[in-house]
Amino acid sequence: MIKAIIFDLDDTLLWDKKSVKLAFEGTCRLAEERFGINPEVLEEKVRMFAREIYESYDTYRFTQMIGINPFEGLWGDFNDQGEEFPRLKEIAPGYRKEAWTSGLKEMGINDSVFGEELAETFPTERKKNPILYEDSLKVLDALKGDYKLLLLTNGSPELQTIKLEITPELRPYFHEIVISGDYGRGKPDQGIFEHALELLSVNREEVLMVGDNLNTDILGANRTGIKSVWVNREGVPSAGDIVPTYEVAELWEVLGLLGK
């Protein structure tokens, strides 16, 4: 019998990819207005350079372990506790400026001052665009009271907290919130799932993990012996070796699995 449900945050309850897309659109529009360049092409270039530069830093292994992606690096300040976070805080401003300046240069605009302006604009645009999926609150409303709910999210504690602050409807539903940067390791590490079980005071067979990512949410649940629901909104082909207990195309389908 299921007594508790663990939810992932990004792209499970919060439509993070859409928020990032809107932030890029708003920022790149400034470049279109200033120089008449194609904003979609600039976005593509900046995304490419952001990934490349991000992976070149000595912090990359840590960000992989915690689960902080390159686009979070474009708006996070990383005022977090922990051995590696001061280094992330140190490199973040230069990383943002370099990603945007490199994207501009690739399009024939050699202007580091404007690159820095875009780098400072992106975090503002990202914070302006918090988006919940249409069924997120409906599902949580249907589950509250009947199940213990825990939010298990990878990322910088400061950044994930900001996401929750700009979508204040979410926090009250959860008995506990666990952020990988506080714990020291991220999903799919088995330890963070065991930690969640301890906080919930339930056995692993009494828990359901709901998330969009096979390689973090579902793999971690499998390693811990927890039943899982893969929310596969984009119809991504299964990885084959990572098999969820259930697969749904929309979050609301979780209610049917629970008989609600």
C-alpha atoms as a PDB file:
ATOM      1  CA  MET A   1       0.000   0.000   0.000  1.00  0.00           C
ATOM      2  CA  ILE A   2       1.394   3.390  -1.023  1.00  0.00           C
ATOM      3  CA  LYS A   3       1.628   5.822   1.893  1.00  0.00           C
ATOM      4  CA  ALA A   4       4.005   8.450   0.495  1.00  0.00           C
ATOM      5  CA  ILE A   5       4.872   9.996  -2.848  1.00  0.00           C
ATOM      6  CA  ILE A   6       8.179  11.578  -3.801  1.00  0.00           C
ATOM      7  CA  PHE A   7       7.992  14.202  -6.537  1.00  0.00           C
ATOM      8  CA  ASP A   8      10.750  15.605  -8.690  1.00  0.00           C
ATOM      9  CA  LEU A   9      10.529  19.374  -9.285  1.00  0.00           C
ATOM     10  CA  ASP A  10      12.029  20.489 -12.614  1.00  0.00           C
ATOM     11  CA  ASP A  11      10.052  19.387 -15.672  1.00  0.00           C
ATOM     12  CA  THR A  12       7.784  17.267 -13.486  1.00  0.00           C
ATOM     13  CA  LEU A  13       5.864  19.939 -11.558  1.00  0.00           C
ATOM     14  CA  LEU A  14       7.661  23.040 -12.853  1.00  0.00           C
ATOM     15  CA  TRP A  15       8.034  23.447 -16.606  1.00  0.00           C
ATOM     16  CA  ASP A  16      11.680  24.487 -16.334  1.00  0.00           C
ATOM     17  CA  LYS A  17      12.548  23.938 -20.011  1.00  0.00           C
ATOM     18  CA  LYS A  18       9.792  26.357 -21.023  1.00  0.00           C
ATOM     19  CA  SER A  19      10.939  28.945 -18.483  1.00  0.00           C
ATOM     20  CA  VAL A  20      14.502  28.733 -19.796  1.00  0.00           C
ATOM     21  CA  LYS A  21      13.240  29.030 -23.380  1.00  0.00           C
ATOM     22  CA  LEU A  22      11.259  32.172 -22.542  1.00  0.00           C
ATOM     23  CA  ALA A  23      14.283  33.648 -20.747  1.00  0.00           C
ATOM     24  CA  PHE A  24      16.423  33.074 -23.839  1.00  0.00           C
ATOM     25  CA  GLU A  25      13.755  34.624 -26.068  1.00  0.00           C
ATOM     26  CA  GLY A  26      13.483  37.726 -23.885  1.00  0.00           C
ATOM     27  CA  THR A  27      17.251  38.174 -23.685  1.00  0.00           C
ATOM     28  CA  CYS A  28      17.989  37.476 -27.344  1.00  0.00           C
ATOM     29  CA  ARG A  29      15.314  39.983 -28.357  1.00  0.00           C
ATOM     30  CA  LEU A  30      17.598  42.725 -27.018  1.00  0.00           C
ATOM     31  CA  ALA A  31      20.308  41.621 -29.437  1.00  0.00           C
ATOM     32  CA  GLU A  32      17.805  41.634 -32.281  1.00  0.00           C
ATOM     33  CA  GLU A  33      16.754  45.183 -31.383  1.00  0.00           C
ATOM     34  CA  ARG A  34      20.362  46.393 -31.046  1.00  0.00           C
ATOM     35  CA  PHE A  35      22.006  44.664 -33.982  1.00  0.00           C
ATOM     36  CA  GLY A  36      19.222  43.145 -36.077  1.00  0.00           C
ATOM     37  CA  ILE A  37      20.545  39.604 -35.613  1.00  0.00           C
ATOM     38  CA  ASN A  38      18.367  36.496 -35.618  1.00  0.00           C
ATOM     39  CA  PRO A  39      17.403  35.842 -31.964  1.00  0.00           C
ATOM     40  CA  GLU A  40      16.788  32.125 -32.534  1.00  0.00           C
ATOM     41  CA  VAL A  41      20.242  31.615 -34.017  1.00  0.00           C
ATOM     42  CA  LEU A  42      21.830  33.583 -31.151  1.00  0.00           C
ATOM     43  CA  GLU A  43      20.016  31.372 -28.641  1.00  0.00           C
ATOM     44  CA  GLU A  44      21.326  28.272 -30.392  1.00  0.00           C
ATOM     45  CA  LYS A  45      24.908  29.623 -30.320  1.00  0.00           C
ATOM     46  CA  VAL A  46      24.760  30.682 -26.670  1.00  0.00           C
ATOM     47  CA  ARG A  47      23.336  27.313 -25.647  1.00  0.00           C
ATOM     48  CA  MET A  48      26.184  25.595 -27.486  1.00  0.00           C
ATOM     49  CA  PHE A  49      28.901  27.749 -25.909  1.00  0.00           C
ATOM     50  CA  ALA A  50      27.275  27.518 -22.466  1.00  0.00           C
ATOM     51  CA  ARG A  51      27.523  23.732 -22.566  1.00  0.00           C
ATOM     52  CA  GLU A  52      31.112  23.747 -23.852  1.00  0.00           C
ATOM     53  CA  ILE A  53      32.389  26.321 -21.369  1.00  0.00           C
ATOM     54  CA  TYR A  54      30.504  24.730 -18.463  1.00  0.00           C
ATOM     55  CA  GLU A  55      32.100  21.355 -19.128  1.00  0.00           C
ATOM     56  CA  SER A  56      35.589  22.900 -19.259  1.00  0.00           C
ATOM     57  CA  TYR A  57      35.579  24.051 -15.609  1.00  0.00           C
ATOM     58  CA  ASP A  58      37.081  22.077 -12.742  1.00  0.00           C
ATOM     59  CA  THR A  59      33.638  22.222 -11.101  1.00  0.00           C
ATOM     60  CA  TYR A  60      31.970  20.159 -13.836  1.00  0.00           C
ATOM     61  CA  ARG A  61      32.199  16.834 -12.005  1.00  0.00           C
ATOM     62  CA  PHE A  62      30.646  18.412  -8.901  1.00  0.00           C
ATOM     63  CA  THR A  63      27.804  19.996 -10.886  1.00  0.00           C
ATOM     64  CA  GLN A  64      27.089  16.633 -12.480  1.00  0.00           C
ATOM     65  CA  MET A  65      27.016  14.930  -9.078  1.00  0.00           C
ATOM     66  CA  ILE A  66      24.670  17.558  -7.589  1.00  0.00           C
ATOM     67  CA  GLY A  67      22.635  17.946 -10.773  1.00  0.00           C
ATOM     68  CA  ILE A  68      23.190  21.582 -11.807  1.00  0.00           C
ATOM     69  CA  ASN A  69      22.899  22.072 -15.553  1.00  0.00           C
ATOM     70  CA  PRO A  70      24.603  24.726 -17.749  1.00  0.00           C
ATOM     71  CA  PHE A  71      21.470  26.861 -18.069  1.00  0.00           C
ATOM     72  CA  GLU A  72      21.067  27.043 -14.298  1.00  0.00           C
ATOM     73  CA  GLY A  73      24.650  28.277 -14.309  1.00  0.00           C
ATOM     74  CA  LEU A  74      23.484  31.134 -16.524  1.00  0.00           C
ATOM     75  CA  TRP A  75      21.282  32.530 -13.746  1.00  0.00           C
ATOM     76  CA  GLY A  76      22.477  31.047 -10.457  1.00  0.00           C
ATOM     77  CA  ASP A  77      24.662  32.954  -7.974  1.00  0.00           C
ATOM     78  CA  PHE A  78      25.483  29.879  -5.824  1.00  0.00           C
ATOM     79  CA  ASN A  79      25.532  31.533  -2.415  1.00  0.00           C
ATOM     80  CA  ASP A  80      25.357  28.047  -0.930  1.00  0.00           C
ATOM     81  CA  GLN A  81      27.128  26.216   1.862  1.00  0.00           C
ATOM     82  CA  GLY A  82      29.493  23.423   0.853  1.00  0.00           C
ATOM     83  CA  GLU A  83      33.040  22.839  -0.262  1.00  0.00           C
ATOM     84  CA  GLU A  84      32.557  23.402  -4.009  1.00  0.00           C
ATOM     85  CA  PHE A  85      29.939  26.154  -4.040  1.00  0.00           C
ATOM     86  CA  PRO A  86      32.371  29.053  -3.377  1.00  0.00           C
ATOM     87  CA  ARG A  87      34.244  28.050  -6.524  1.00  0.00           C
ATOM     88  CA  LEU A  88      30.992  27.973  -8.498  1.00  0.00           C
ATOM     89  CA  LYS A  89      30.100  31.421  -7.142  1.00  0.00           C
ATOM     90  CA  GLU A  90      33.508  32.691  -8.212  1.00  0.00           C
ATOM     91  CA  ILE A  91      33.307  31.490 -11.810  1.00  0.00           C
ATOM     92  CA  ALA A  92      29.588  32.146 -12.475  1.00  0.00           C
ATOM     93  CA  PRO A  93      29.807  35.827 -13.571  1.00  0.00           C
ATOM     94  CA  GLY A  94      32.664  35.130 -15.978  1.00  0.00           C
ATOM     95  CA  TYR A  95      30.927  32.026 -17.279  1.00  0.00           C
ATOM     96  CA  ARG A  96      27.750  33.918 -18.070  1.00  0.00           C
ATOM     97  CA  LYS A  97      29.603  36.767 -19.774  1.00  0.00           C
ATOM     98  CA  GLU A  98      31.766  34.409 -21.826  1.00  0.00           C
ATOM     99  CA  ALA A  99      28.813  32.311 -23.013  1.00  0.00           C
ATOM    100  CA  TRP A 100      26.869  35.332 -24.235  1.00  0.00           C
ATOM    101  CA  THR A 101      29.903  37.171 -25.646  1.00  0.00           C
ATOM    102  CA  SER A 102      31.001  34.041 -27.538  1.00  0.00           C
ATOM    103  CA  GLY A 103      27.510  33.648 -28.994  1.00  0.00           C
ATOM    104  CA  LEU A 104      27.535  37.246 -30.192  1.00  0.00           C
ATOM    105  CA  LYS A 105      31.022  36.895 -31.671  1.00  0.00           C
ATOM    106  CA  GLU A 106      29.941  33.812 -33.588  1.00  0.00           C
ATOM    107  CA  MET A 107      27.339  36.051 -35.250  1.00  0.00           C
ATOM    108  CA  GLY A 108      29.830  38.781 -36.109  1.00  0.00           C
ATOM    109  CA  ILE A 109      29.248  41.019 -33.070  1.00  0.00           C
ATOM    110  CA  ASN A 110      32.449  41.530 -31.082  1.00  0.00           C
ATOM    111  CA  ASP A 111      31.090  43.412 -28.074  1.00  0.00           C
ATOM    112  CA  SER A 112      31.948  42.100 -24.614  1.00  0.00           C
ATOM    113  CA  VAL A 113      30.158  44.996 -22.883  1.00  0.00           C
ATOM    114  CA  PHE A 114      26.891  44.049 -24.580  1.00  0.00           C
ATOM    115  CA  GLY A 115      27.672  40.393 -23.859  1.00  0.00           C
ATOM    116  CA  GLU A 116      27.815  41.245 -20.178  1.00  0.00           C
ATOM    117  CA  GLU A 117      24.532  43.181 -20.468  1.00  0.00           C
ATOM    118  CA  LEU A 118      22.839  40.104 -21.929  1.00  0.00           C
ATOM    119  CA  ALA A 119      24.415  37.922 -19.230  1.00  0.00           C
ATOM    120  CA  GLU A 120      22.867  40.170 -16.577  1.00  0.00           C
ATOM    121  CA  THR A 121      19.507  40.253 -18.361  1.00  0.00           C
ATOM    122  CA  PHE A 122      19.041  36.477 -18.564  1.00  0.00           C
ATOM    123  CA  PRO A 123      18.630  35.885 -14.776  1.00  0.00           C
ATOM    124  CA  THR A 124      15.970  38.613 -14.608  1.00  0.00           C
ATOM    125  CA  GLU A 125      14.108  37.115 -17.551  1.00  0.00           C
ATOM    126  CA  ARG A 126      14.307  33.626 -16.011  1.00  0.00           C
ATOM    127  CA  LYS A 127      12.802  34.805 -12.732  1.00  0.00           C
ATOM    128  CA  LYS A 128       9.956  36.541 -14.600  1.00  0.00           C
ATOM    129  CA  ASN A 129       8.795  33.281 -16.142  1.00  0.00           C
ATOM    130  CA  PRO A 130       7.952  30.588 -13.560  1.00  0.00           C
ATOM    131  CA  ILE A 131       5.608  28.076 -15.160  1.00  0.00           C
ATOM    132  CA  LEU A 132       3.718  25.214 -13.542  1.00  0.00           C
ATOM    133  CA  TYR A 133       2.224  22.475 -15.684  1.00  0.00           C
ATOM    134  CA  GLU A 134      -1.556  22.807 -15.916  1.00  0.00           C
ATOM    135  CA  ASP A 135      -2.190  19.631 -13.933  1.00  0.00           C
ATOM    136  CA  SER A 136       0.470  20.055 -11.218  1.00  0.00           C
ATOM    137  CA  LEU A 137      -1.712  21.697  -8.572  1.00  0.00           C
ATOM    138  CA  LYS A 138      -4.752  19.574  -9.442  1.00  0.00           C
ATOM    139  CA  VAL A 139      -2.734  16.412  -8.836  1.00  0.00           C
ATOM    140  CA  LEU A 140      -1.233  17.699  -5.592  1.00  0.00           C
ATOM    141  CA  ASP A 141      -4.679  18.813  -4.403  1.00  0.00           C
ATOM    142  CA  ALA A 142      -6.044  15.322  -5.034  1.00  0.00           C
ATOM    143  CA  LEU A 143      -3.199  13.687  -3.110  1.00  0.00           C
ATOM    144  CA  LYS A 144      -2.787  15.978  -0.099  1.00  0.00           C
ATOM    145  CA  GLY A 145      -4.098  14.531   3.127  1.00  0.00           C
ATOM    146  CA  ASP A 146      -4.110  10.967   1.819  1.00  0.00           C
ATOM    147  CA  TYR A 147      -0.348  10.663   1.287  1.00  0.00           C
ATOM    148  CA  LYS A 148       2.833  12.091   2.728  1.00  0.00           C
ATOM    149  CA  LEU A 149       4.399  14.204  -0.025  1.00  0.00           C
ATOM    150  CA  LEU A 150       8.126  14.884  -0.347  1.00  0.00           C
ATOM    151  CA  LEU A 151       9.869  17.023  -2.964  1.00  0.00           C
ATOM    152  CA  LEU A 152      13.231  15.608  -4.058  1.00  0.00           C
ATOM    153  CA  THR A 153      15.125  17.923  -6.380  1.00  0.00           C
ATOM    154  CA  ASN A 154      18.646  18.130  -7.743  1.00  0.00           C
ATOM    155  CA  GLY A 155      20.410  21.484  -7.770  1.00  0.00           C
ATOM    156  CA  SER A 156      21.783  24.450  -5.868  1.00  0.00           C
ATOM    157  CA  PRO A 157      19.804  25.021  -2.652  1.00  0.00           C
ATOM    158  CA  GLU A 158      19.649  28.759  -3.325  1.00  0.00           C
ATOM    159  CA  LEU A 159      18.483  28.304  -6.912  1.00  0.00           C
ATOM    160  CA  GLN A 160      15.888  25.648  -6.133  1.00  0.00           C
ATOM    161  CA  THR A 161      14.609  27.764  -3.255  1.00  0.00           C
ATOM    162  CA  ILE A 162      14.216  30.729  -5.615  1.00  0.00           C
ATOM    163  CA  LYS A 163      12.177  28.513  -7.962  1.00  0.00           C
ATOM    164  CA  LEU A 164       9.902  27.624  -5.057  1.00  0.00           C
ATOM    165  CA  GLU A 165       9.645  31.253  -3.934  1.00  0.00           C
ATOM    166  CA  ILE A 166       8.463  32.392  -7.369  1.00  0.00           C
ATOM    167  CA  THR A 167       5.910  29.562  -7.450  1.00  0.00           C
ATOM    168  CA  PRO A 168       4.696  29.872  -3.839  1.00  0.00           C
ATOM    169  CA  GLU A 169       1.703  27.581  -4.466  1.00  0.00           C
ATOM    170  CA  LEU A 170       3.930  24.487  -4.387  1.00  0.00           C
ATOM    171  CA  ARG A 171       5.692  24.509  -1.028  1.00  0.00           C
ATOM    172  CA  PRO A 172       2.639  24.061   1.261  1.00  0.00           C
ATOM    173  CA  TYR A 173       1.836  20.663  -0.263  1.00  0.00           C
ATOM    174  CA  PHE A 174       5.076  19.044   0.908  1.00  0.00           C
ATOM    175  CA  HIS A 175       5.899  17.533   4.267  1.00  0.00           C
ATOM    176  CA  GLU A 176       9.593  17.640   3.400  1.00  0.00           C
ATOM    177  CA  ILE A 177      11.796  19.216   0.705  1.00  0.00           C
ATOM    178  CA  VAL A 178      15.179  17.661  -0.061  1.00  0.00           C
ATOM    179  CA  ILE A 179      17.662  19.489  -2.307  1.00  0.00           C
ATOM    180  CA  SER A 180      20.737  17.618  -3.517  1.00  0.00           C
ATOM    181  CA  GLY A 181      23.092  20.541  -2.839  1.00  0.00           C
ATOM    182  CA  ASP A 182      22.151  20.354   0.852  1.00  0.00           C
ATOM    183  CA  TYR A 183      22.540  16.582   0.982  1.00  0.00           C
ATOM    184  CA  GLY A 184      25.890  16.517  -0.872  1.00  0.00           C
ATOM    185  CA  ARG A 185      24.950  14.148  -3.693  1.00  0.00           C
ATOM    186  CA  GLY A 186      22.134  14.172  -6.220  1.00  0.00           C
ATOM    187  CA  LYS A 187      19.785  11.685  -7.841  1.00  0.00           C
ATOM    188  CA  PRO A 188      20.352   8.900  -8.884  1.00  0.00           C
ATOM    189  CA  ASP A 189      22.559   8.381  -5.804  1.00  0.00           C
ATOM    190  CA  GLN A 190      20.867   5.796  -3.626  1.00  0.00           C
ATOM    191  CA  GLY A 191      21.794   7.660  -0.457  1.00  0.00           C
ATOM    192  CA  ILE A 192      19.561  10.650  -1.156  1.00  0.00           C
ATOM    193  CA  PHE A 193      16.600   8.319  -1.714  1.00  0.00           C
ATOM    194  CA  GLU A 194      17.354   6.496   1.553  1.00  0.00           C
ATOM    195  CA  HIS A 195      17.473   9.905   3.239  1.00  0.00           C
ATOM    196  CA  ALA A 196      14.025  10.698   1.818  1.00  0.00           C
ATOM    197  CA  LEU A 197      12.659   7.405   3.190  1.00  0.00           C
ATOM    198  CA  GLU A 198      13.980   8.261   6.646  1.00  0.00           C
ATOM    199  CA  LEU A 199      12.321  11.671   6.569  1.00  0.00           C
ATOM    200  CA  LEU A 200       9.028  10.104   5.496  1.00  0.00           C
ATOM    201  CA  SER A 201       9.272   7.315   8.100  1.00  0.00           C
ATOM    202  CA  VAL A 202       7.978   4.732   5.638  1.00  0.00           C
ATOM    203  CA  ASN A 203       9.253   1.515   4.078  1.00  0.00           C
ATOM    204  CA  ARG A 204      10.485   1.539   0.493  1.00  0.00           C
ATOM    205  CA  GLU A 205       7.557  -0.581  -0.706  1.00  0.00           C
ATOM    206  CA  GLU A 206       5.178   2.114   0.602  1.00  0.00           C
ATOM    207  CA  VAL A 207       6.629   4.858  -1.615  1.00  0.00           C
ATOM    208  CA  LEU A 208       6.113   5.978  -5.208  1.00  0.00           C
ATOM    209  CA  MET A 209       8.683   8.167  -7.030  1.00  0.00           C
ATOM    210  CA  VAL A 210       7.274  10.478  -9.719  1.00  0.00           C
ATOM    211  CA  GLY A 211       9.684  12.147 -12.126  1.00  0.00           C
ATOM    212  CA  ASP A 212      10.485  13.004 -15.729  1.00  0.00           C
ATOM    213  CA  ASN A 213      14.112  11.857 -15.893  1.00  0.00           C
ATOM    214  CA  LEU A 214      15.017   8.207 -16.440  1.00  0.00           C
ATOM    215  CA  ASN A 215      18.678   8.748 -15.550  1.00  0.00           C
ATOM    216  CA  THR A 216      18.043  10.436 -12.202  1.00  0.00           C
ATOM    217  CA  ASP A 217      14.497   9.923 -10.880  1.00  0.00           C
ATOM    218  CA  ILE A 218      13.804   6.443 -12.206  1.00  0.00           C
ATOM    219  CA  LEU A 219      17.316   5.006 -11.949  1.00  0.00           C
ATOM    220  CA  GLY A 220      17.631   6.225  -8.362  1.00  0.00           C
ATOM    221  CA  ALA A 221      14.261   4.774  -7.430  1.00  0.00           C
ATOM    222  CA  ASN A 222      15.189   1.449  -9.034  1.00  0.00           C
ATOM    223  CA  ARG A 223      18.466   1.316  -7.116  1.00  0.00           C
ATOM    224  CA  THR A 224      16.580   1.895  -3.869  1.00  0.00           C
ATOM    225  CA  GLY A 225      13.773  -0.567  -4.526  1.00  0.00           C
ATOM    226  CA  ILE A 226      11.115   2.147  -4.841  1.00  0.00           C
ATOM    227  CA  LYS A 227       8.259   1.927  -7.342  1.00  0.00           C
ATOM    228  CA  SER A 228       8.433   4.690  -9.945  1.00  0.00           C
ATOM    229  CA  VAL A 229       6.327   6.624 -12.422  1.00  0.00           C
ATOM    230  CA  TRP A 230       8.079   8.064 -15.452  1.00  0.00           C
ATOM    231  CA  VAL A 231       6.276  11.201 -16.663  1.00  0.00           C
ATOM    232  CA  ASN A 232       7.201  11.067 -20.340  1.00  0.00           C
ATOM    233  CA  ARG A 233       5.405  14.102 -21.783  1.00  0.00           C
ATOM    234  CA  GLU A 234       7.624  14.288 -24.851  1.00  0.00           C
ATOM    235  CA  GLY A 235       7.252  10.651 -25.821  1.00  0.00           C
ATOM    236  CA  VAL A 236      10.973   9.950 -25.479  1.00  0.00           C
ATOM    237  CA  PRO A 237      11.974   6.366 -26.363  1.00  0.00           C
ATOM    238  CA  SER A 238      12.825   4.233 -23.312  1.00  0.00           C
ATOM    239  CA  ALA A 239      16.517   3.775 -22.542  1.00  0.00           C
ATOM    240  CA  GLY A 240      15.951   0.031 -22.335  1.00  0.00           C
ATOM    241  CA  ASP A 241      18.126  -0.708 -19.321  1.00  0.00           C
ATOM    242  CA  ILE A 242      16.276   1.752 -17.040  1.00  0.00           C
ATOM    243  CA  VAL A 243      12.713   0.511 -16.659  1.00  0.00           C
ATOM    244  CA  PRO A 244      10.100   2.440 -14.627  1.00  0.00           C
ATOM    245  CA  THR A 245       7.300   0.640 -12.817  1.00  0.00           C
ATOM    246  CA  TYR A 246       4.811   2.797 -14.704  1.00  0.00           C
ATOM    247  CA  GLU A 247       4.986   5.250 -17.596  1.00  0.00           C
ATOM    248  CA  VAL A 248       2.491   8.087 -18.166  1.00  0.00           C
ATOM    249  CA  ALA A 249       2.213  10.859 -20.746  1.00  0.00           C
ATOM    250  CA  GLU A 250       0.705  13.419 -18.339  1.00  0.00           C
ATOM    251  CA  LEU A 251       1.037  13.975 -14.607  1.00  0.00           C
ATOM    252  CA  TRP A 252      -2.699  13.606 -13.915  1.00  0.00           C
ATOM    253  CA  GLU A 253      -2.473   9.941 -14.963  1.00  0.00           C
ATOM    254  CA  VAL A 254      -0.685   9.268 -11.652  1.00  0.00           C
ATOM    255  CA  LEU A 255      -4.087   9.645  -9.963  1.00  0.00           C
ATOM    256  CA  GLY A 256      -5.451   6.709 -11.954  1.00  0.00           C
ATOM    257  CA  LEU A 257      -2.518   4.554 -10.893  1.00  0.00           C
ATOM    258  CA  LEU A 258      -3.403   5.287  -7.284  1.00  0.00           C
ATOM    259  CA  GLY A 259      -7.108   4.653  -7.815  1.00  0.00           C
ATOM    260  CA  LYS A 260      -8.086   8.287  -7.307  1.00  0.00           C
END
